[in-house]
């Protein structure tokens, strides 16, 4: 029998959060917190809606997942994530018994990147309550979790000596998060300016589409296919999302064939993933299929 899944705990992250909150001016403590946050696994509440009808054997089933979202006083929306069961039990969500999904930092990055309305992630909202803002998550996620050259927040402003008391911990944390937002906004603005100065030609040509279609037609289980340019860790590649007849259809075989047979039509790597993969969510939602299997087996 398979061994039961071990409970999710993050003692290194919990300790790093506590240490960082004691001195929000300390850059070394902030970097230790970010490193621990990147390496952690999180418990994330969600509502999973499955089809009302029982699926037939081998039938591909689409499930809808709605994550819990919290809104602060400024109207910013944050996704809560918990380090362990103890912090999770503090969740006062009105939702009826939400299900729990275990997510890595890169999973959180993929979700935040695909949902522009979400401003970030709050870790242990009813405990230490430290935030990772959207720009910060994307900047780290685009580097595959590498913190090299990711700007940290400048120290919060020091209290004026004439003032009777310095800022409260809450005020210091708010100042730190505002500084992070500004640093990441500057980084994104520079990136946008660089991309605008050097526009890239689309790698998706008619010849390439024709070659990919011809290759995909050989796999009878592929129903629809979408294609788009993606960028990760500074590298461009082409992502092909495939809607197939069943979940266990061999996507890897299609990916290998497409990469091999269509290599002469593009200099960029080609990667195939299931249409239900979180990486393909935006491509499938906003795009149109460039290939669709016709009825009666006619291609």
Foldseek 3Di string as FASTA:
>chain_A
DDDDDDFFAQVQLVVLLVVCLVPVQDPVSVVSNLLSQQAGKWKWFWAKAWDPDDDDVQFATDIDIGTDWDADPVRAIAGETERGPVLVVVDPDPDDPTDIDIDHLLRQLLVLVLDVSHQFYFYSCVPSTATDGSLNSPVCFLQVNDCPPRDAFHQFDFDDPPDPDTDDSVVRRVSRVVRSVVSSVVVVVVVVVVCVVPPDDDLDDPVLLVQLQVLCLVPLFFFFKFWDWDHGSRAIAIEIETAGRGPPPPQVVSQVSSQPRRCVSGVHGYGYDYCSDSNNVCRVVPHDTSDGQDPPSDD
